All heavy atoms as atom14 arrays in JSON, in Angstrom:
{
  "sequence": "DFAGGNQFDLLVRWSDGEVTLYPDVGTLGLNNDGTQMAPKGSVWKDAV",
  "atom14_mask": [
    [1, 1, 1, 1, 1, 1, 1, 1, 0, 0, 0, 0, 0, 0],
    [1, 1, 1, 1, 1, 1, 1, 1, 1, 1, 1, 0, 0, 0],
    [1, 1, 1, 1, 1, 0, 0, 0, 0, 0, 0, 0, 0, 0],
    [1, 1, 1, 1, 0, 0, 0, 0, 0, 0, 0, 0, 0, 0],
    [1, 1, 1, 1, 0, 0, 0, 0, 0, 0, 0, 0, 0, 0],
    [1, 1, 1, 1, 1, 1, 1, 1, 0, 0, 0, 0, 0, 0],
    [1, 1, 1, 1, 1, 1, 1, 1, 1, 0, 0, 0, 0, 0],
    [1, 1, 1, 1, 1, 1, 1, 1, 1, 1, 1, 0, 0, 0],
    [1, 1, 1, 1, 1, 1, 1, 1, 0, 0, 0, 0, 0, 0],
    [1, 1, 1, 1, 1, 1, 1, 1, 0, 0, 0, 0, 0, 0],
    [1, 1, 1, 1, 1, 1, 1, 1, 0, 0, 0, 0, 0, 0],
    [1, 1, 1, 1, 1, 1, 1, 0, 0, 0, 0, 0, 0, 0],
    [1, 1, 1, 1, 1, 1, 1, 1, 1, 1, 1, 0, 0, 0],
    [1, 1, 1, 1, 1, 1, 1, 1, 1, 1, 1, 1, 1, 1],
    [1, 1, 1, 1, 1, 1, 0, 0, 0, 0, 0, 0, 0, 0],
    [1, 1, 1, 1, 1, 1, 1, 1, 0, 0, 0, 0, 0, 0],
    [1, 1, 1, 1, 0, 0, 0, 0, 0, 0, 0, 0, 0, 0],
    [1, 1, 1, 1, 1, 1, 1, 1, 1, 0, 0, 0, 0, 0],
    [1, 1, 1, 1, 1, 1, 1, 0, 0, 0, 0, 0, 0, 0],
    [1, 1, 1, 1, 1, 1, 1, 0, 0, 0, 0, 0, 0, 0],
    [1, 1, 1, 1, 1, 1, 1, 1, 0, 0, 0, 0, 0, 0],
    [1, 1, 1, 1, 1, 1, 1, 1, 1, 1, 1, 1, 0, 0],
    [1, 1, 1, 1, 1, 1, 1, 0, 0, 0, 0, 0, 0, 0],
    [1, 1, 1, 1, 1, 1, 1, 1, 0, 0, 0, 0, 0, 0],
    [1, 1, 1, 1, 1, 1, 1, 0, 0, 0, 0, 0, 0, 0],
    [1, 1, 1, 1, 0, 0, 0, 0, 0, 0, 0, 0, 0, 0],
    [1, 1, 1, 1, 1, 1, 1, 0, 0, 0, 0, 0, 0, 0],
    [1, 1, 1, 1, 1, 1, 1, 1, 0, 0, 0, 0, 0, 0],
    [1, 1, 1, 1, 0, 0, 0, 0, 0, 0, 0, 0, 0, 0],
    [1, 1, 1, 1, 1, 1, 1, 1, 0, 0, 0, 0, 0, 0],
    [1, 1, 1, 1, 1, 1, 1, 1, 0, 0, 0, 0, 0, 0],
    [1, 1, 1, 1, 1, 1, 1, 1, 0, 0, 0, 0, 0, 0],
    [1, 1, 1, 1, 1, 1, 1, 1, 0, 0, 0, 0, 0, 0],
    [1, 1, 1, 1, 0, 0, 0, 0, 0, 0, 0, 0, 0, 0],
    [1, 1, 1, 1, 1, 1, 1, 0, 0, 0, 0, 0, 0, 0],
    [1, 1, 1, 1, 1, 1, 1, 1, 1, 0, 0, 0, 0, 0],
    [1, 1, 1, 1, 1, 1, 1, 1, 0, 0, 0, 0, 0, 0],
    [1, 1, 1, 1, 1, 0, 0, 0, 0, 0, 0, 0, 0, 0],
    [1, 1, 1, 1, 1, 1, 1, 0, 0, 0, 0, 0, 0, 0],
    [1, 1, 1, 1, 1, 1, 1, 1, 1, 0, 0, 0, 0, 0],
    [1, 1, 1, 1, 0, 0, 0, 0, 0, 0, 0, 0, 0, 0],
    [1, 1, 1, 1, 1, 1, 0, 0, 0, 0, 0, 0, 0, 0],
    [1, 1, 1, 1, 1, 1, 1, 0, 0, 0, 0, 0, 0, 0],
    [1, 1, 1, 1, 1, 1, 1, 1, 1, 1, 1, 1, 1, 1],
    [1, 1, 1, 1, 1, 1, 1, 1, 1, 0, 0, 0, 0, 0],
    [1, 1, 1, 1, 1, 1, 1, 1, 0, 0, 0, 0, 0, 0],
    [1, 1, 1, 1, 1, 0, 0, 0, 0, 0, 0, 0, 0, 0],
    [1, 1, 1, 1, 1, 1, 1, 0, 0, 0, 0, 0, 0, 0]
  ],
  "atom14_positions": [
    [[0.85, -1.2, 0.0], [0.0, 0.0, 0.0], [0.88, 1.25, 0.0], [0.82, 2.08, 0.9], [-0.92, -0.02, 1.21], [-2.06, 0.97, 1.09], [-2.22, 1.55, 0.01], [-2.77, 1.16, 2.09], [0.0, 0.0, 0.0], [0.0, 0.0, 0.0], [0.0, 0.0, 0.0], [0.0, 0.0, 0.0], [0.0, 0.0, 0.0], [0.0, 0.0, 0.0]],
    [[1.69, 1.38, -1.05], [2.69, 2.44, -1.09], [2.1, 3.81, -1.43], [2.63, 4.84, -1.0], [3.76, 2.09, -2.13], [4.41, 0.76, -1.94], [4.2, -0.27, -2.84], [5.23, 0.53, -0.85], [4.8, -1.5, -2.67], [5.84, -0.7, -0.66], [5.62, -1.73, -1.58], [0.0, 0.0, 0.0], [0.0, 0.0, 0.0], [0.0, 0.0, 0.0]],
    [[1.03, 3.84, -2.21], [0.5, 5.11, -2.7], [-0.51, 5.76, -1.76], [-0.97, 6.88, -2.02], [-0.15, 4.91, -4.07], [0.0, 0.0, 0.0], [0.0, 0.0, 0.0], [0.0, 0.0, 0.0], [0.0, 0.0, 0.0], [0.0, 0.0, 0.0], [0.0, 0.0, 0.0], [0.0, 0.0, 0.0], [0.0, 0.0, 0.0], [0.0, 0.0, 0.0]],
    [[-0.85, 5.08, -0.69], [-1.72, 5.69, 0.31], [-3.19, 5.67, -0.05], [-3.83, 6.72, -0.12], [0.0, 0.0, 0.0], [0.0, 0.0, 0.0], [0.0, 0.0, 0.0], [0.0, 0.0, 0.0], [0.0, 0.0, 0.0], [0.0, 0.0, 0.0], [0.0, 0.0, 0.0], [0.0, 0.0, 0.0], [0.0, 0.0, 0.0], [0.0, 0.0, 0.0]],
    [[-3.75, 4.52, -0.3], [-5.17, 4.37, -0.57], [-5.72, 3.17, 0.15], [-5.07, 2.62, 1.05], [0.0, 0.0, 0.0], [0.0, 0.0, 0.0], [0.0, 0.0, 0.0], [0.0, 0.0, 0.0], [0.0, 0.0, 0.0], [0.0, 0.0, 0.0], [0.0, 0.0, 0.0], [0.0, 0.0, 0.0], [0.0, 0.0, 0.0], [0.0, 0.0, 0.0]],
    [[-6.88, 2.74, -0.23], [-7.48, 1.57, 0.39], [-7.25, 0.3, -0.43], [-7.84, -0.73, -0.14], [-8.98, 1.79, 0.57], [-9.29, 2.86, 1.6], [-8.59, 2.96, 2.61], [-10.3, 3.67, 1.32], [0.0, 0.0, 0.0], [0.0, 0.0, 0.0], [0.0, 0.0, 0.0], [0.0, 0.0, 0.0], [0.0, 0.0, 0.0], [0.0, 0.0, 0.0]],
    [[-6.41, 0.42, -1.46], [-6.1, -0.73, -2.28], [-4.59, -0.89, -2.39], [-3.83, 0.07, -2.26], [-6.68, -0.55, -3.7], [-8.19, -0.45, -3.76], [-8.68, -0.3, -5.19], [-7.96, -0.58, -6.14], [-9.91, 0.19, -5.35], [0.0, 0.0, 0.0], [0.0, 0.0, 0.0], [0.0, 0.0, 0.0], [0.0, 0.0, 0.0], [0.0, 0.0, 0.0]],
    [[-4.17, -2.15, -2.63], [-2.75, -2.4, -2.8], [-2.28, -1.93, -4.18], [-3.06, -1.87, -5.13], [-2.46, -3.89, -2.65], [-2.04, -4.28, -1.24], [-2.74, -3.8, -0.15], [-0.98, -5.13, -1.03], [-2.38, -4.15, 1.14], [-0.6, -5.49, 0.25], [-1.29, -5.01, 1.34], [0.0, 0.0, 0.0], [0.0, 0.0, 0.0], [0.0, 0.0, 0.0]],
    [[-1.0, -1.59, -4.23], [-0.34, -1.17, -5.45], [0.66, -2.26, -5.85], [1.07, -3.08, -5.03], [0.4, 0.15, -5.21], [-0.42, 1.13, -4.38], [-1.59, 1.37, -4.73], [0.1, 1.62, -3.35], [0.0, 0.0, 0.0], [0.0, 0.0, 0.0], [0.0, 0.0, 0.0], [0.0, 0.0, 0.0], [0.0, 0.0, 0.0], [0.0, 0.0, 0.0]],
    [[1.08, -2.22, -7.11], [2.06, -3.18, -7.61], [3.38, -2.48, -7.88], [3.43, -1.5, -8.63], [1.54, -3.86, -8.89], [2.46, -4.94, -9.46], [2.47, -6.15, -8.53], [2.02, -5.34, -10.87], [0.0, 0.0, 0.0], [0.0, 0.0, 0.0], [0.0, 0.0, 0.0], [0.0, 0.0, 0.0], [0.0, 0.0, 0.0], [0.0, 0.0, 0.0]],
    [[4.46, -2.99, -7.28], [5.8, -2.47, -7.51], [6.53, -3.46, -8.42], [6.59, -4.67, -8.12], [6.55, -2.32, -6.19], [7.87, -1.54, -6.23], [7.64, -0.07, -6.59], [8.6, -1.64, -4.89], [0.0, 0.0, 0.0], [0.0, 0.0, 0.0], [0.0, 0.0, 0.0], [0.0, 0.0, 0.0], [0.0, 0.0, 0.0], [0.0, 0.0, 0.0]],
    [[7.08, -2.95, -9.54], [7.7, -3.8, -10.55], [9.14, -3.36, -10.77], [9.41, -2.18, -11.02], [6.93, -3.72, -11.89], [7.62, -4.58, -12.95], [5.48, -4.13, -11.71], [0.0, 0.0, 0.0], [0.0, 0.0, 0.0], [0.0, 0.0, 0.0], [0.0, 0.0, 0.0], [0.0, 0.0, 0.0], [0.0, 0.0, 0.0], [0.0, 0.0, 0.0]],
    [[10.07, -4.34, -10.7], [11.46, -4.09, -11.12], [11.64, -4.76, -12.46], [11.5, -5.97, -12.6], [12.46, -4.63, -10.1], [13.86, -4.03, -10.27], [14.7, -4.74, -11.32], [15.26, -6.0, -10.83], [15.89, -6.86, -11.59], [16.03, -6.66, -12.9], [16.36, -7.99, -11.08], [0.0, 0.0, 0.0], [0.0, 0.0, 0.0], [0.0, 0.0, 0.0]],
    [[11.92, -3.92, -13.49], [12.04, -4.4, -14.85], [13.46, -4.9, -15.15], [14.4, -4.58, -14.41], [11.67, -3.3, -15.84], [10.26, -2.79, -15.68], [9.83, -1.84, -14.79], [9.11, -3.22, -16.39], [8.48, -1.64, -14.92], [8.0, -2.48, -15.9], [8.89, -4.15, -17.4], [6.71, -2.65, -16.39], [7.61, -4.32, -17.9], [6.53, -3.57, -17.39]],
    [[13.61, -5.63, -16.24], [14.9, -6.2, -16.59], [15.96, -5.16, -16.92], [17.16, -5.43, -16.83], [14.76, -7.16, -17.78], [14.22, -6.49, -18.91], [0.0, 0.0, 0.0], [0.0, 0.0, 0.0], [0.0, 0.0, 0.0], [0.0, 0.0, 0.0], [0.0, 0.0, 0.0], [0.0, 0.0, 0.0], [0.0, 0.0, 0.0], [0.0, 0.0, 0.0]],
    [[15.56, -3.93, -17.28], [16.53, -2.89, -17.62], [16.89, -2.01, -16.43], [17.59, -1.02, -16.57], [16.01, -2.02, -18.77], [14.71, -1.3, -18.44], [14.24, -1.42, -17.28], [14.16, -0.62, -19.33], [0.0, 0.0, 0.0], [0.0, 0.0, 0.0], [0.0, 0.0, 0.0], [0.0, 0.0, 0.0], [0.0, 0.0, 0.0], [0.0, 0.0, 0.0]],
    [[16.42, -2.36, -15.22], [16.75, -1.6, -14.02], [15.73, -0.57, -13.62], [15.82, 0.02, -12.54], [0.0, 0.0, 0.0], [0.0, 0.0, 0.0], [0.0, 0.0, 0.0], [0.0, 0.0, 0.0], [0.0, 0.0, 0.0], [0.0, 0.0, 0.0], [0.0, 0.0, 0.0], [0.0, 0.0, 0.0], [0.0, 0.0, 0.0], [0.0, 0.0, 0.0]],
    [[14.74, -0.29, -14.47], [13.69, 0.65, -14.07], [12.8, 0.0, -13.01], [12.56, -1.21, -13.03], [12.85, 1.07, -15.27], [11.75, 2.08, -14.91], [11.01, 2.61, -16.12], [11.52, 2.43, -17.25], [9.93, 3.19, -15.93], [0.0, 0.0, 0.0], [0.0, 0.0, 0.0], [0.0, 0.0, 0.0], [0.0, 0.0, 0.0], [0.0, 0.0, 0.0]],
    [[12.33, 0.82, -12.08], [11.35, 0.38, -11.09], [10.12, 1.28, -11.22], [10.23, 2.51, -11.24], [11.92, 0.47, -9.65], [10.87, 0.0, -8.63], [13.19, -0.36, -9.52], [0.0, 0.0, 0.0], [0.0, 0.0, 0.0], [0.0, 0.0, 0.0], [0.0, 0.0, 0.0], [0.0, 0.0, 0.0], [0.0, 0.0, 0.0], [0.0, 0.0, 0.0]],
    [[8.93, 0.66, -11.31], [7.7, 1.39, -11.52], [6.67, 0.98, -10.47], [6.54, -0.2, -10.15], [7.12, 1.12, -12.92], [8.15, 1.3, -13.9], [5.96, 2.05, -13.23], [0.0, 0.0, 0.0], [0.0, 0.0, 0.0], [0.0, 0.0, 0.0], [0.0, 0.0, 0.0], [0.0, 0.0, 0.0], [0.0, 0.0, 0.0], [0.0, 0.0, 0.0]],
    [[5.95, 1.99, -9.96], [4.87, 1.74, -9.02], [3.54, 1.97, -9.72], [3.3, 3.06, -10.27], [4.99, 2.68, -7.81], [3.88, 2.58, -6.76], [3.91, 1.21, -6.08], [4.02, 3.7, -5.73], [0.0, 0.0, 0.0], [0.0, 0.0, 0.0], [0.0, 0.0, 0.0], [0.0, 0.0, 0.0], [0.0, 0.0, 0.0], [0.0, 0.0, 0.0]],
    [[2.67, 0.95, -9.7], [1.34, 1.06, -10.3], [0.32, 1.11, -9.17], [0.07, 0.11, -8.49], [1.07, -0.14, -11.22], [1.97, -0.16, -12.43], [3.18, -0.83, -12.39], [1.63, 0.52, -13.6], [4.04, -0.83, -13.49], [2.46, 0.52, -14.7], [3.66, -0.15, -14.65], [4.5, -0.15, -15.74], [0.0, 0.0, 0.0], [0.0, 0.0, 0.0]],
    [[-0.28, 2.3, -8.93], [-1.18, 2.45, -7.79], [-2.56, 1.86, -8.06], [-3.02, 1.78, -9.21], [-1.27, 3.97, -7.62], [-1.05, 4.51, -8.99], [-0.08, 3.57, -9.66], [0.0, 0.0, 0.0], [0.0, 0.0, 0.0], [0.0, 0.0, 0.0], [0.0, 0.0, 0.0], [0.0, 0.0, 0.0], [0.0, 0.0, 0.0], [0.0, 0.0, 0.0]],
    [[-3.21, 1.43, -6.96], [-4.62, 1.0, -6.99], [-4.93, 0.12, -8.2], [-5.81, 0.4, -9.01], [-5.53, 2.23, -6.99], [-5.39, 3.04, -5.71], [-4.84, 2.52, -4.73], [-5.81, 4.21, -5.71], [0.0, 0.0, 0.0], [0.0, 0.0, 0.0], [0.0, 0.0, 0.0], [0.0, 0.0, 0.0], [0.0, 0.0, 0.0], [0.0, 0.0, 0.0]],
    [[-4.2, -0.98, -8.31], [-4.3, -1.85, -9.47], [-5.72, -2.36, -9.68], [-6.21, -2.47, -10.82], [-3.31, -3.04, -9.32], [-3.55, -4.07, -10.41], [-1.88, -2.53, -9.37], [0.0, 0.0, 0.0], [0.0, 0.0, 0.0], [0.0, 0.0, 0.0], [0.0, 0.0, 0.0], [0.0, 0.0, 0.0], [0.0, 0.0, 0.0], [0.0, 0.0, 0.0]],
    [[-6.43, -2.65, -8.59], [-7.77, -3.19, -8.72], [-8.73, -2.25, -9.42], [-9.65, -2.69, -10.12], [0.0, 0.0, 0.0], [0.0, 0.0, 0.0], [0.0, 0.0, 0.0], [0.0, 0.0, 0.0], [0.0, 0.0, 0.0], [0.0, 0.0, 0.0], [0.0, 0.0, 0.0], [0.0, 0.0, 0.0], [0.0, 0.0, 0.0], [0.0, 0.0, 0.0]],
    [[-8.52, -0.94, -9.28], [-9.38, 0.06, -9.91], [-8.79, 0.6, -11.2], [-9.47, 0.68, -12.23], [-9.63, 1.23, -8.95], [-10.27, 0.74, -7.76], [-10.5, 2.29, -9.6], [0.0, 0.0, 0.0], [0.0, 0.0, 0.0], [0.0, 0.0, 0.0], [0.0, 0.0, 0.0], [0.0, 0.0, 0.0], [0.0, 0.0, 0.0], [0.0, 0.0, 0.0]],
    [[-7.5, 0.96, -11.16], [-6.88, 1.62, -12.3], [-6.28, 0.64, -13.3], [-5.97, 1.03, -14.43], [-5.78, 2.57, -11.8], [-6.22, 3.68, -10.84], [-5.02, 4.5, -10.4], [-7.27, 4.56, -11.49], [0.0, 0.0, 0.0], [0.0, 0.0, 0.0], [0.0, 0.0, 0.0], [0.0, 0.0, 0.0], [0.0, 0.0, 0.0], [0.0, 0.0, 0.0]],
    [[-6.09, -0.62, -12.92], [-5.48, -1.58, -13.82], [-4.01, -1.29, -14.02], [-3.37, -0.62, -13.21], [0.0, 0.0, 0.0], [0.0, 0.0, 0.0], [0.0, 0.0, 0.0], [0.0, 0.0, 0.0], [0.0, 0.0, 0.0], [0.0, 0.0, 0.0], [0.0, 0.0, 0.0], [0.0, 0.0, 0.0], [0.0, 0.0, 0.0], [0.0, 0.0, 0.0]],
    [[-3.45, -1.8, -15.1], [-2.03, -1.64, -15.4], [-1.78, -0.93, -16.71], [-0.62, -0.76, -17.1], [-1.34, -3.01, -15.41], [-1.21, -3.69, -14.05], [-0.76, -5.13, -14.22], [-0.21, -2.94, -13.17], [0.0, 0.0, 0.0], [0.0, 0.0, 0.0], [0.0, 0.0, 0.0], [0.0, 0.0, 0.0], [0.0, 0.0, 0.0], [0.0, 0.0, 0.0]],
    [[-2.82, -0.53, -17.41], [-2.64, 0.13, -18.7], [-2.43, 1.63, -18.5], [-3.19, 2.46, -18.98], [-3.85, -0.14, -19.6], [-3.55, 0.12, -21.06], [-2.41, 0.38, -21.43], [-4.57, 0.07, -21.88], [0.0, 0.0, 0.0], [0.0, 0.0, 0.0], [0.0, 0.0, 0.0], [0.0, 0.0, 0.0], [0.0, 0.0, 0.0], [0.0, 0.0, 0.0]],
    [[-1.39, 1.96, -17.73], [-1.03, 3.36, -17.46], [0.46, 3.43, -17.23], [1.14, 2.41, -17.11], [-1.81, 3.89, -16.26], [-1.51, 3.14, -14.97], [-0.5, 3.41, -14.32], [-2.37, 2.19, -14.6], [0.0, 0.0, 0.0], [0.0, 0.0, 0.0], [0.0, 0.0, 0.0], [0.0, 0.0, 0.0], [0.0, 0.0, 0.0], [0.0, 0.0, 0.0]],
    [[0.97, 4.66, -17.14], [2.42, 4.85, -17.03], [2.95, 4.52, -15.64], [4.13, 4.24, -15.48], [2.8, 6.29, -17.38], [2.52, 6.59, -18.85], [2.31, 5.63, -19.62], [2.48, 7.79, -19.2], [0.0, 0.0, 0.0], [0.0, 0.0, 0.0], [0.0, 0.0, 0.0], [0.0, 0.0, 0.0], [0.0, 0.0, 0.0], [0.0, 0.0, 0.0]],
    [[2.12, 4.6, -14.62], [2.57, 4.4, -13.27], [3.5, 5.52, -12.82], [3.64, 6.56, -13.48], [0.0, 0.0, 0.0], [0.0, 0.0, 0.0], [0.0, 0.0, 0.0], [0.0, 0.0, 0.0], [0.0, 0.0, 0.0], [0.0, 0.0, 0.0], [0.0, 0.0, 0.0], [0.0, 0.0, 0.0], [0.0, 0.0, 0.0], [0.0, 0.0, 0.0]],
    [[4.16, 5.31, -11.68], [5.12, 6.27, -11.13], [6.51, 5.67, -11.2], [6.75, 4.58, -10.67], [4.77, 6.61, -9.67], [3.47, 7.19, -9.61], [5.8, 7.56, -9.08], [0.0, 0.0, 0.0], [0.0, 0.0, 0.0], [0.0, 0.0, 0.0], [0.0, 0.0, 0.0], [0.0, 0.0, 0.0], [0.0, 0.0, 0.0], [0.0, 0.0, 0.0]],
    [[7.4, 6.36, -11.86], [8.77, 5.86, -11.96], [9.49, 6.06, -10.64], [9.63, 7.18, -10.15], [9.53, 6.56, -13.07], [10.89, 5.93, -13.33], [11.67, 6.63, -14.42], [12.26, 7.7, -14.18], [11.67, 6.08, -15.62], [0.0, 0.0, 0.0], [0.0, 0.0, 0.0], [0.0, 0.0, 0.0], [0.0, 0.0, 0.0], [0.0, 0.0, 0.0]],
    [[9.97, 4.94, -10.05], [10.69, 5.0, -8.79], [12.21, 5.03, -9.03], [12.96, 5.59, -8.21], [10.34, 3.77, -7.95], [8.85, 3.64, -7.63], [8.29, 4.82, -6.39], [9.09, 4.19, -4.93], [0.0, 0.0, 0.0], [0.0, 0.0, 0.0], [0.0, 0.0, 0.0], [0.0, 0.0, 0.0], [0.0, 0.0, 0.0], [0.0, 0.0, 0.0]],
    [[12.65, 4.4, -10.1], [14.07, 4.41, -10.48], [14.14, 4.31, -11.99], [13.34, 3.6, -12.6], [14.82, 3.24, -9.83], [0.0, 0.0, 0.0], [0.0, 0.0, 0.0], [0.0, 0.0, 0.0], [0.0, 0.0, 0.0], [0.0, 0.0, 0.0], [0.0, 0.0, 0.0], [0.0, 0.0, 0.0], [0.0, 0.0, 0.0], [0.0, 0.0, 0.0]],
    [[15.08, 5.02, -12.63], [15.11, 5.04, -14.1], [15.77, 3.81, -14.68], [16.45, 3.04, -14.0], [15.95, 6.28, -14.39], [16.88, 6.37, -13.22], [16.09, 5.91, -12.04], [0.0, 0.0, 0.0], [0.0, 0.0, 0.0], [0.0, 0.0, 0.0], [0.0, 0.0, 0.0], [0.0, 0.0, 0.0], [0.0, 0.0, 0.0], [0.0, 0.0, 0.0]],
    [[15.56, 3.63, -15.96], [16.24, 2.59, -16.72], [17.76, 2.73, -16.53], [18.29, 3.83, -16.53], [15.88, 2.72, -18.2], [16.62, 1.79, -19.13], [16.21, 2.04, -20.57], [17.02, 1.18, -21.54], [16.62, 1.43, -22.95], [0.0, 0.0, 0.0], [0.0, 0.0, 0.0], [0.0, 0.0, 0.0], [0.0, 0.0, 0.0], [0.0, 0.0, 0.0]],
    [[18.44, 1.58, -16.33], [19.88, 1.6, -16.15], [20.33, 1.86, -14.73], [21.53, 1.93, -14.46], [0.0, 0.0, 0.0], [0.0, 0.0, 0.0], [0.0, 0.0, 0.0], [0.0, 0.0, 0.0], [0.0, 0.0, 0.0], [0.0, 0.0, 0.0], [0.0, 0.0, 0.0], [0.0, 0.0, 0.0], [0.0, 0.0, 0.0], [0.0, 0.0, 0.0]],
    [[19.4, 2.01, -13.78], [19.77, 2.29, -12.4], [20.34, 1.05, -11.73], [20.29, -0.07, -12.26], [18.54, 2.75, -11.62], [17.69, 1.66, -11.31], [0.0, 0.0, 0.0], [0.0, 0.0, 0.0], [0.0, 0.0, 0.0], [0.0, 0.0, 0.0], [0.0, 0.0, 0.0], [0.0, 0.0, 0.0], [0.0, 0.0, 0.0], [0.0, 0.0, 0.0]],
    [[20.88, 1.25, -10.51], [21.46, 0.13, -9.76], [20.38, -0.9, -9.38], [20.72, -2.01, -8.96], [22.16, 0.62, -8.48], [23.36, 1.47, -8.84], [21.2, 1.38, -7.59], [0.0, 0.0, 0.0], [0.0, 0.0, 0.0], [0.0, 0.0, 0.0], [0.0, 0.0, 0.0], [0.0, 0.0, 0.0], [0.0, 0.0, 0.0], [0.0, 0.0, 0.0]],
    [[19.13, -0.56, -9.56], [18.08, -1.5, -9.2], [18.03, -2.72, -10.13], [17.3, -3.68, -9.86], [16.72, -0.79, -9.15], [16.58, -0.03, -7.87], [17.12, 1.17, -7.55], [15.9, -0.48, -6.7], [16.82, 1.53, -6.25], [16.05, 0.52, -5.7], [15.15, -1.62, -6.37], [15.51, 0.41, -4.43], [14.6, -1.73, -5.11], [14.79, -0.73, -4.16]],
    [[18.83, -2.7, -11.18], [18.94, -3.92, -11.99], [19.56, -5.04, -11.19], [19.45, -6.22, -11.55], [19.77, -3.65, -13.25], [21.24, -3.36, -13.02], [21.98, -3.09, -14.3], [23.46, -2.83, -14.06], [23.69, -1.62, -13.25], [0.0, 0.0, 0.0], [0.0, 0.0, 0.0], [0.0, 0.0, 0.0], [0.0, 0.0, 0.0], [0.0, 0.0, 0.0]],
    [[20.25, -4.7, -10.08], [20.88, -5.7, -9.21], [19.98, -6.14, -8.07], [20.41, -6.93, -7.22], [22.18, -5.13, -8.63], [23.21, -4.82, -9.71], [23.15, -5.47, -10.77], [24.06, -3.93, -9.49], [0.0, 0.0, 0.0], [0.0, 0.0, 0.0], [0.0, 0.0, 0.0], [0.0, 0.0, 0.0], [0.0, 0.0, 0.0], [0.0, 0.0, 0.0]],
    [[18.75, -5.64, -8.02], [17.8, -6.05, -6.99], [17.17, -7.37, -7.42], [16.29, -7.41, -8.28], [16.74, -4.99, -6.77], [0.0, 0.0, 0.0], [0.0, 0.0, 0.0], [0.0, 0.0, 0.0], [0.0, 0.0, 0.0], [0.0, 0.0, 0.0], [0.0, 0.0, 0.0], [0.0, 0.0, 0.0], [0.0, 0.0, 0.0], [0.0, 0.0, 0.0]],
    [[17.6, -8.48, -6.85], [17.17, -9.79, -7.31], [15.76, -10.11, -6.85], [14.96, -10.63, -7.61], [18.14, -10.89, -6.81], [17.74, -12.25, -7.36], [19.57, -10.56, -7.19], [0.0, 0.0, 0.0], [0.0, 0.0, 0.0], [0.0, 0.0, 0.0], [0.0, 0.0, 0.0], [0.0, 0.0, 0.0], [0.0, 0.0, 0.0], [0.0, 0.0, 0.0]]
  ]
}
């Protein structure tokens, strides 16, 4: 519940190192840009 609502959000670490937060998945779905937490090429590519 990272975005502060009554629904859970999905946090995704992509293969290129970007990390994206998708808020309120149950209502908003995943067909949106989400919130970028870390950019492509960041050290988060090492987050296993």
